[in-house]
Amino acid sequence: MSAVESSRQSAAQTRRHVIEATVELLEEQGARGLTVSGIMNRAGVSRTAFYRQFPDVYAVVKELLVNIAERLATEAAPWFS
């Protein structure tokens, strides 16, 4: 595996960990308690790694919502065809 491929895998893994941590924290404490520090700690990533992937907490939540909407659209597609 090349260094570029390894870096891409690492970035994808960081994004996945951040999103999973965000879901867990939202379930536990809701949106008001969501912070970059809380997400970082839960995801086990550094502040630098977080900010390389997302500019802020809102961007993480936005990506999470887009992912949910895409899954819903995929699941609902057979109903409308």
PDB file of N, CA and C in Angstrom:
ATOM      1  N   MET A   1       0.846  -1.164   0.000  1.00  0.00           N
ATOM      2  CA  MET A   1       0.000   0.000   0.000  1.00  0.00           C
ATOM      3  C   MET A   1       0.900   1.239   0.000  1.00  0.00           C
ATOM      4  N   SER A   2       0.554   2.204  -0.841  1.00  0.00           N
ATOM      5  CA  SER A   2       1.364   3.415  -0.917  1.00  0.00           C
ATOM      6  C   SER A   2       1.048   4.344   0.250  1.00  0.00           C
ATOM      7  N   ALA A   3       1.907   5.318   0.447  1.00  0.00           N
ATOM      8  CA  ALA A   3       1.708   6.288   1.528  1.00  0.00           C
ATOM      9  C   ALA A   3       0.427   7.082   1.310  1.00  0.00           C
ATOM     10  N   VAL A   4       0.118   7.384   0.061  1.00  0.00           N
ATOM     11  CA  VAL A   4      -1.104   8.131  -0.250  1.00  0.00           C
ATOM     12  C   VAL A   4      -2.337   7.300   0.099  1.00  0.00           C
ATOM     13  N   GLU A   5      -2.319   6.032  -0.270  1.00  0.00           N
ATOM     14  CA  GLU A   5      -3.443   5.147   0.049  1.00  0.00           C
ATOM     15  C   GLU A   5      -3.598   4.999   1.559  1.00  0.00           C
ATOM     16  N   SER A   6      -2.494   4.866   2.251  1.00  0.00           N
ATOM     17  CA  SER A   6      -2.522   4.742   3.704  1.00  0.00           C
ATOM     18  C   SER A   6      -3.101   6.000   4.344  1.00  0.00           C
ATOM     19  N   SER A   7      -2.713   7.147   3.831  1.00  0.00           N
ATOM     20  CA  SER A   7      -3.216   8.425   4.341  1.00  0.00           C
ATOM     21  C   SER A   7      -4.715   8.554   4.104  1.00  0.00           C
ATOM     22  N   ARG A   8      -5.169   8.128   2.940  1.00  0.00           N
ATOM     23  CA  ARG A   8      -6.609   8.179   2.625  1.00  0.00           C
ATOM     24  C   ARG A   8      -7.391   7.262   3.558  1.00  0.00           C
ATOM     25  N   GLN A   9      -6.851   6.071   3.794  1.00  0.00           N
ATOM     26  CA  GLN A   9      -7.508   5.132   4.707  1.00  0.00           C
ATOM     27  C   GLN A   9      -7.584   5.715   6.103  1.00  0.00           C
ATOM     28  N   SER A  10      -6.511   6.318   6.543  1.00  0.00           N
ATOM     29  CA  SER A  10      -6.465   6.913   7.873  1.00  0.00           C
ATOM     30  C   SER A  10      -7.478   8.052   7.988  1.00  0.00           C
ATOM     31  N   ALA A  11      -7.563   8.886   6.957  1.00  0.00           N
ATOM     32  CA  ALA A  11      -8.525   9.992   6.957  1.00  0.00           C
ATOM     33  C   ALA A  11      -9.953   9.459   6.989  1.00  0.00           C
ATOM     34  N   ALA A  12     -10.229   8.436   6.207  1.00  0.00           N
ATOM     35  CA  ALA A  12     -11.569   7.837   6.188  1.00  0.00           C
ATOM     36  C   ALA A  12     -11.899   7.223   7.545  1.00  0.00           C
ATOM     37  N   GLN A  13     -10.924   6.588   8.161  1.00  0.00           N
ATOM     38  CA  GLN A  13     -11.122   5.980   9.478  1.00  0.00           C
ATOM     39  C   GLN A  13     -11.385   7.062  10.529  1.00  0.00           C
ATOM     40  N   THR A  14     -10.652   8.157  10.461  1.00  0.00           N
ATOM     41  CA  THR A  14     -10.861   9.264  11.390  1.00  0.00           C
ATOM     42  C   THR A  14     -12.266   9.816  11.237  1.00  0.00           C
ATOM     43  N   ARG A  15     -12.699  10.046   9.989  1.00  0.00           N
ATOM     44  CA  ARG A  15     -14.052  10.559   9.740  1.00  0.00           C
ATOM     45  C   ARG A  15     -15.089   9.610  10.335  1.00  0.00           C
ATOM     46  N   ARG A  16     -14.901   8.320  10.097  1.00  0.00           N
ATOM     47  CA  ARG A  16     -15.859   7.319  10.594  1.00  0.00           C
ATOM     48  C   ARG A  16     -15.908   7.343  12.122  1.00  0.00           C
ATOM     49  N   HIS A  17     -14.746   7.392  12.769  1.00  0.00           N
ATOM     50  CA  HIS A  17     -14.705   7.425  14.232  1.00  0.00           C
ATOM     51  C   HIS A  17     -15.379   8.688  14.779  1.00  0.00           C
ATOM     52  N   VAL A  18     -15.134   9.809  14.130  1.00  0.00           N
ATOM     53  CA  VAL A  18     -15.733  11.073  14.567  1.00  0.00           C
ATOM     54  C   VAL A  18     -17.253  11.013  14.429  1.00  0.00           C
ATOM     55  N   ILE A  19     -17.730  10.504  13.317  1.00  0.00           N
ATOM     56  CA  ILE A  19     -19.182  10.427  13.112  1.00  0.00           C
ATOM     57  C   ILE A  19     -19.813   9.452  14.098  1.00  0.00           C
ATOM     58  N   GLU A  20     -19.190   8.308  14.312  1.00  0.00           N
ATOM     59  CA  GLU A  20     -19.720   7.341  15.282  1.00  0.00           C
ATOM     60  C   GLU A  20     -19.755   7.936  16.693  1.00  0.00           C
ATOM     61  N   ALA A  21     -18.703   8.645  17.064  1.00  0.00           N
ATOM     62  CA  ALA A  21     -18.662   9.282  18.384  1.00  0.00           C
ATOM     63  C   ALA A  21     -19.751  10.337  18.501  1.00  0.00           C
ATOM     64  N   THR A  22     -19.977  11.068  17.431  1.00  0.00           N
ATOM     65  CA  THR A  22     -21.019  12.098  17.430  1.00  0.00           C
ATOM     66  C   THR A  22     -22.391  11.477  17.644  1.00  0.00           C
ATOM     67  N   VAL A  23     -22.659  10.375  16.975  1.00  0.00           N
ATOM     68  CA  VAL A  23     -23.945   9.687  17.149  1.00  0.00           C
ATOM     69  C   VAL A  23     -24.108   9.255  18.605  1.00  0.00           C
ATOM     70  N   GLU A  24     -23.085   8.654  19.166  1.00  0.00           N
ATOM     71  CA  GLU A  24     -23.147   8.202  20.562  1.00  0.00           C
ATOM     72  C   GLU A  24     -23.421   9.364  21.512  1.00  0.00           C
ATOM     73  N   LEU A  25     -22.704  10.459  21.303  1.00  0.00           N
ATOM     74  CA  LEU A  25     -22.876  11.611  22.199  1.00  0.00           C
ATOM     75  C   LEU A  25     -24.249  12.257  22.022  1.00  0.00           C
ATOM     76  N   LEU A  26     -24.741  12.322  20.807  1.00  0.00           N
ATOM     77  CA  LEU A  26     -26.083  12.863  20.585  1.00  0.00           C
ATOM     78  C   LEU A  26     -27.132  12.014  21.284  1.00  0.00           C
ATOM     79  N   GLU A  27     -26.959  10.700  21.222  1.00  0.00           N
ATOM     80  CA  GLU A  27     -27.908   9.807  21.888  1.00  0.00           C
ATOM     81  C   GLU A  27     -27.860   9.981  23.404  1.00  0.00           C
ATOM     82  N   GLU A  28     -26.676  10.200  23.940  1.00  0.00           N
ATOM     83  CA  GLU A  28     -26.499  10.301  25.388  1.00  0.00           C
ATOM     84  C   GLU A  28     -26.882  11.660  25.955  1.00  0.00           C
ATOM     85  N   GLN A  29     -26.497  12.728  25.275  1.00  0.00           N
ATOM     86  CA  GLN A  29     -26.659  14.047  25.885  1.00  0.00           C
ATOM     87  C   GLN A  29     -27.350  15.074  25.010  1.00  0.00           C
ATOM     88  N   GLY A  30     -27.716  14.718  23.797  1.00  0.00           N
ATOM     89  CA  GLY A  30     -28.382  15.674  22.920  1.00  0.00           C
ATOM     90  C   GLY A  30     -27.404  16.657  22.300  1.00  0.00           C
ATOM     91  N   ALA A  31     -27.942  17.517  21.459  1.00  0.00           N
ATOM     92  CA  ALA A  31     -27.111  18.438  20.683  1.00  0.00           C
ATOM     93  C   ALA A  31     -26.482  19.546  21.531  1.00  0.00           C
ATOM     94  N   ARG A  32     -27.147  19.954  22.581  1.00  0.00           N
ATOM     95  CA  ARG A  32     -26.629  21.069  23.389  1.00  0.00           C
ATOM     96  C   ARG A  32     -25.286  20.754  24.043  1.00  0.00           C
ATOM     97  N   GLY A  33     -25.051  19.506  24.354  1.00  0.00           N
ATOM     98  CA  GLY A  33     -23.817  19.129  25.021  1.00  0.00           C
ATOM     99  C   GLY A  33     -22.702  18.719  24.075  1.00  0.00           C
ATOM    100  N   LEU A  34     -22.941  18.835  22.779  1.00  0.00           N
ATOM    101  CA  LEU A  34     -21.964  18.379  21.796  1.00  0.00           C
ATOM    102  C   LEU A  34     -20.833  19.388  21.634  1.00  0.00           C
ATOM    103  N   THR A  35     -19.597  18.928  21.843  1.00  0.00           N
ATOM    104  CA  THR A  35     -18.425  19.795  21.695  1.00  0.00           C
ATOM    105  C   THR A  35     -17.339  19.054  20.911  1.00  0.00           C
ATOM    106  N   VAL A  36     -16.438  19.828  20.339  1.00  0.00           N
ATOM    107  CA  VAL A  36     -15.304  19.225  19.642  1.00  0.00           C
ATOM    108  C   VAL A  36     -14.497  18.373  20.621  1.00  0.00           C
ATOM    109  N   SER A  37     -14.257  18.886  21.814  1.00  0.00           N
ATOM    110  CA  SER A  37     -13.482  18.130  22.806  1.00  0.00           C
ATOM    111  C   SER A  37     -14.154  16.814  23.158  1.00  0.00           C
ATOM    112  N   GLY A  38     -15.461  16.848  23.358  1.00  0.00           N
ATOM    113  CA  GLY A  38     -16.192  15.625  23.672  1.00  0.00           C
ATOM    114  C   GLY A  38     -16.122  14.614  22.551  1.00  0.00           C
ATOM    115  N   ILE A  39     -16.283  15.084  21.317  1.00  0.00           N
ATOM    116  CA  ILE A  39     -16.210  14.188  20.152  1.00  0.00           C
ATOM    117  C   ILE A  39     -14.806  13.607  20.032  1.00  0.00           C
ATOM    118  N   MET A  40     -13.788  14.464  20.172  1.00  0.00           N
ATOM    119  CA  MET A  40     -12.397  14.003  20.074  1.00  0.00           C
ATOM    120  C   MET A  40     -12.102  12.920  21.093  1.00  0.00           C
ATOM    121  N   ASN A  41     -12.505  13.172  22.326  1.00  0.00           N
ATOM    122  CA  ASN A  41     -12.239  12.201  23.385  1.00  0.00           C
ATOM    123  C   ASN A  41     -12.940  10.879  23.116  1.00  0.00           C
ATOM    124  N   ARG A  42     -14.200  10.942  22.718  1.00  0.00           N
ATOM    125  CA  ARG A  42     -14.952   9.718  22.464  1.00  0.00           C
ATOM    126  C   ARG A  42     -14.390   8.977  21.249  1.00  0.00           C
ATOM    127  N   ALA A  43     -14.006   9.719  20.219  1.00  0.00           N
ATOM    128  CA  ALA A  43     -13.498   9.103  18.987  1.00  0.00           C
ATOM    129  C   ALA A  43     -12.055   8.644  19.120  1.00  0.00           C
ATOM    130  N   GLY A  44     -11.350   9.169  20.110  1.00  0.00           N
ATOM    131  CA  GLY A  44      -9.941   8.821  20.268  1.00  0.00           C
ATOM    132  C   GLY A  44      -9.060   9.437  19.200  1.00  0.00           C
ATOM    133  N   VAL A  45      -9.407  10.665  18.793  1.00  0.00           N
ATOM    134  CA  VAL A  45      -8.605  11.362  17.789  1.00  0.00           C
ATOM    135  C   VAL A  45      -8.101  12.680  18.372  1.00  0.00           C
ATOM    136  N   SER A  46      -7.040  13.183  17.791  1.00  0.00           N
ATOM    137  CA  SER A  46      -6.476  14.448  18.251  1.00  0.00           C
ATOM    138  C   SER A  46      -7.279  15.619  17.685  1.00  0.00           C
ATOM    139  N   ARG A  47      -7.071  16.779  18.271  1.00  0.00           N
ATOM    140  CA  ARG A  47      -7.726  17.994  17.776  1.00  0.00           C
ATOM    141  C   ARG A  47      -7.313  18.254  16.326  1.00  0.00           C
ATOM    142  N   THR A  48      -6.041  18.059  16.038  1.00  0.00           N
ATOM    143  CA  THR A  48      -5.554  18.259  14.668  1.00  0.00           C
ATOM    144  C   THR A  48      -6.251  17.315  13.701  1.00  0.00           C
ATOM    145  N   ALA A  49      -6.375  16.048  14.077  1.00  0.00           N
ATOM    146  CA  ALA A  49      -7.038  15.065  13.211  1.00  0.00           C
ATOM    147  C   ALA A  49      -8.500  15.456  12.994  1.00  0.00           C
ATOM    148  N   PHE A  50      -9.167  15.913  14.065  1.00  0.00           N
ATOM    149  CA  PHE A  50     -10.558  16.344  13.928  1.00  0.00           C
ATOM    150  C   PHE A  50     -10.650  17.471  12.906  1.00  0.00           C
ATOM    151  N   TYR A  51      -9.842  18.516  13.101  1.00  0.00           N
ATOM    152  CA  TYR A  51      -9.939  19.692  12.239  1.00  0.00           C
ATOM    153  C   TYR A  51      -9.418  19.461  10.825  1.00  0.00           C
ATOM    154  N   ARG A  52      -8.654  18.425  10.598  1.00  0.00           N
ATOM    155  CA  ARG A  52      -8.276  18.076   9.227  1.00  0.00           C
ATOM    156  C   ARG A  52      -9.477  17.542   8.460  1.00  0.00           C
ATOM    157  N   GLN A  53     -10.439  16.987   9.190  1.00  0.00           N
ATOM    158  CA  GLN A  53     -11.608  16.379   8.553  1.00  0.00           C
ATOM    159  C   GLN A  53     -12.844  17.276   8.567  1.00  0.00           C
ATOM    160  N   PHE A  54     -13.002  18.060   9.609  1.00  0.00           N
ATOM    161  CA  PHE A  54     -14.201  18.876   9.783  1.00  0.00           C
ATOM    162  C   PHE A  54     -13.834  20.261  10.305  1.00  0.00           C
ATOM    163  N   PRO A  55     -14.477  21.319   9.789  1.00  0.00           N
ATOM    164  CA  PRO A  55     -14.165  22.657  10.289  1.00  0.00           C
ATOM    165  C   PRO A  55     -14.759  22.950  11.666  1.00  0.00           C
ATOM    166  N   ASP A  56     -15.847  22.238  12.019  1.00  0.00           N
ATOM    167  CA  ASP A  56     -16.490  22.468  13.312  1.00  0.00           C
ATOM    168  C   ASP A  56     -17.509  21.365  13.583  1.00  0.00           C
ATOM    169  N   VAL A  57     -18.151  21.446  14.736  1.00  0.00           N
ATOM    170  CA  VAL A  57     -19.143  20.445  15.141  1.00  0.00           C
ATOM    171  C   VAL A  57     -20.312  20.423  14.155  1.00  0.00           C
ATOM    172  N   TYR A  58     -20.702  21.597  13.679  1.00  0.00           N
ATOM    173  CA  TYR A  58     -21.847  21.680  12.776  1.00  0.00           C
ATOM    174  C   TYR A  58     -21.614  20.890  11.490  1.00  0.00           C
ATOM    175  N   ALA A  59     -20.383  20.894  11.013  1.00  0.00           N
ATOM    176  CA  ALA A  59     -20.059  20.139   9.798  1.00  0.00           C
ATOM    177  C   ALA A  59     -20.193  18.636  10.028  1.00  0.00           C
ATOM    178  N   VAL A  60     -19.850  18.179  11.218  1.00  0.00           N
ATOM    179  CA  VAL A  60     -19.997  16.755  11.547  1.00  0.00           C
ATOM    180  C   VAL A  60     -21.477  16.388  11.560  1.00  0.00           C
ATOM    181  N   VAL A  61     -22.270  17.208  12.225  1.00  0.00           N
ATOM    182  CA  VAL A  61     -23.711  16.942  12.304  1.00  0.00           C
ATOM    183  C   VAL A  61     -24.337  17.010  10.913  1.00  0.00           C
ATOM    184  N   LYS A  62     -23.913  17.962  10.105  1.00  0.00           N
ATOM    185  CA  LYS A  62     -24.435  18.073   8.746  1.00  0.00           C
ATOM    186  C   LYS A  62     -24.124  16.806   7.953  1.00  0.00           C
ATOM    187  N   GLU A  63     -22.896  16.318   8.028  1.00  0.00           N
ATOM    188  CA  GLU A  63     -22.547  15.093   7.305  1.00  0.00           C
ATOM    189  C   GLU A  63     -23.362  13.912   7.817  1.00  0.00           C
ATOM    190  N   LEU A  64     -23.547  13.845   9.115  1.00  0.00           N
ATOM    191  CA  LEU A  64     -24.356  12.785   9.705  1.00  0.00           C
ATOM    192  C   LEU A  64     -25.784  12.839   9.158  1.00  0.00           C
ATOM    193  N   LEU A  65     -26.375  14.023   9.111  1.00  0.00           N
ATOM    194  CA  LEU A  65     -27.736  14.175   8.594  1.00  0.00           C
ATOM    195  C   LEU A  65     -27.830  13.853   7.110  1.00  0.00           C
ATOM    196  N   VAL A  66     -26.832  14.244   6.346  1.00  0.00           N
ATOM    197  CA  VAL A  66     -26.809  13.911   4.915  1.00  0.00           C
ATOM    198  C   VAL A  66     -26.740  12.394   4.736  1.00  0.00           C
ATOM    199  N   ASN A  67     -25.899  11.733   5.533  1.00  0.00           N
ATOM    200  CA  ASN A  67     -25.802  10.272   5.457  1.00  0.00           C
ATOM    201  C   ASN A  67     -27.138   9.613   5.767  1.00  0.00           C
ATOM    202  N   ILE A  68     -27.825  10.112   6.792  1.00  0.00           N
ATOM    203  CA  ILE A  68     -29.132   9.567   7.158  1.00  0.00           C
ATOM    204  C   ILE A  68     -30.132   9.785   6.027  1.00  0.00           C
ATOM    205  N   ALA A  69     -30.155  10.982   5.469  1.00  0.00           N
ATOM    206  CA  ALA A  69     -31.085  11.289   4.383  1.00  0.00           C
ATOM    207  C   ALA A  69     -30.819  10.410   3.155  1.00  0.00           C
ATOM    208  N   GLU A  70     -29.548  10.184   2.847  1.00  0.00           N
ATOM    209  CA  GLU A  70     -29.214   9.322   1.709  1.00  0.00           C
ATOM    210  C   GLU A  70     -29.675   7.896   1.944  1.00  0.00           C
ATOM    211  N   ARG A  71     -29.486   7.398   3.168  1.00  0.00           N
ATOM    212  CA  ARG A  71     -29.952   6.035   3.482  1.00  0.00           C
ATOM    213  C   ARG A  71     -31.466   5.937   3.401  1.00  0.00           C
ATOM    214  N   LEU A  72     -32.152   6.946   3.905  1.00  0.00           N
ATOM    215  CA  LEU A  72     -33.614   6.948   3.828  1.00  0.00           C
ATOM    216  C   LEU A  72     -34.085   6.964   2.379  1.00  0.00           C
ATOM    217  N   ALA A  73     -33.455   7.773   1.547  1.00  0.00           N
ATOM    218  CA  ALA A  73     -33.825   7.847   0.137  1.00  0.00           C
ATOM    219  C   ALA A  73     -33.611   6.505  -0.555  1.00  0.00           C
ATOM    220  N   THR A  74     -32.515   5.850  -0.234  1.00  0.00           N
ATOM    221  CA  THR A  74     -32.225   4.542  -0.821  1.00  0.00           C
ATOM    222  C   THR A  74     -33.261   3.513  -0.379  1.00  0.00           C
ATOM    223  N   GLU A  75     -33.589   3.525   0.908  1.00  0.00           N
ATOM    224  CA  GLU A  75     -34.568   2.572   1.437  1.00  0.00           C
ATOM    225  C   GLU A  75     -35.965   2.847   0.895  1.00  0.00           C
ATOM    226  N   ALA A  76     -36.309   4.108   0.697  1.00  0.00           N
ATOM    227  CA  ALA A  76     -37.650   4.471   0.256  1.00  0.00           C
ATOM    228  C   ALA A  76     -37.834   4.384  -1.256  1.00  0.00           C
ATOM    229  N   ALA A  77     -36.759   4.329  -2.016  1.00  0.00           N
ATOM    230  CA  ALA A  77     -36.844   4.334  -3.478  1.00  0.00           C
ATOM    231  C   ALA A  77     -37.791   3.275  -4.031  1.00  0.00           C
ATOM    232  N   PRO A  78     -37.769   2.049  -3.531  1.00  0.00           N
ATOM    233  CA  PRO A  78     -38.686   1.038  -4.079  1.00  0.00           C
ATOM    234  C   PRO A  78     -40.170   1.393  -3.889  1.00  0.00           C
ATOM    235  N   TRP A  79     -40.489   2.178  -2.900  1.00  0.00           N
ATOM    236  CA  TRP A  79     -41.877   2.559  -2.663  1.00  0.00           C
ATOM    237  C   TRP A  79     -42.408   3.464  -3.764  1.00  0.00           C
ATOM    238  N   PHE A  80     -41.501   4.177  -4.429  1.00  0.00           N
ATOM    239  CA  PHE A  80     -41.916   5.185  -5.396  1.00  0.00           C
ATOM    240  C   PHE A  80     -41.639   4.796  -6.837  1.00  0.00           C
ATOM    241  N   SER A  81     -41.235   3.552  -7.048  1.00  0.00           N
ATOM    242  CA  SER A  81     -40.952   3.158  -8.435  1.00  0.00           C
ATOM    243  C   SER A  81     -41.999   2.209  -8.966  1.00  0.00           C
TER     244      SER A  81
END
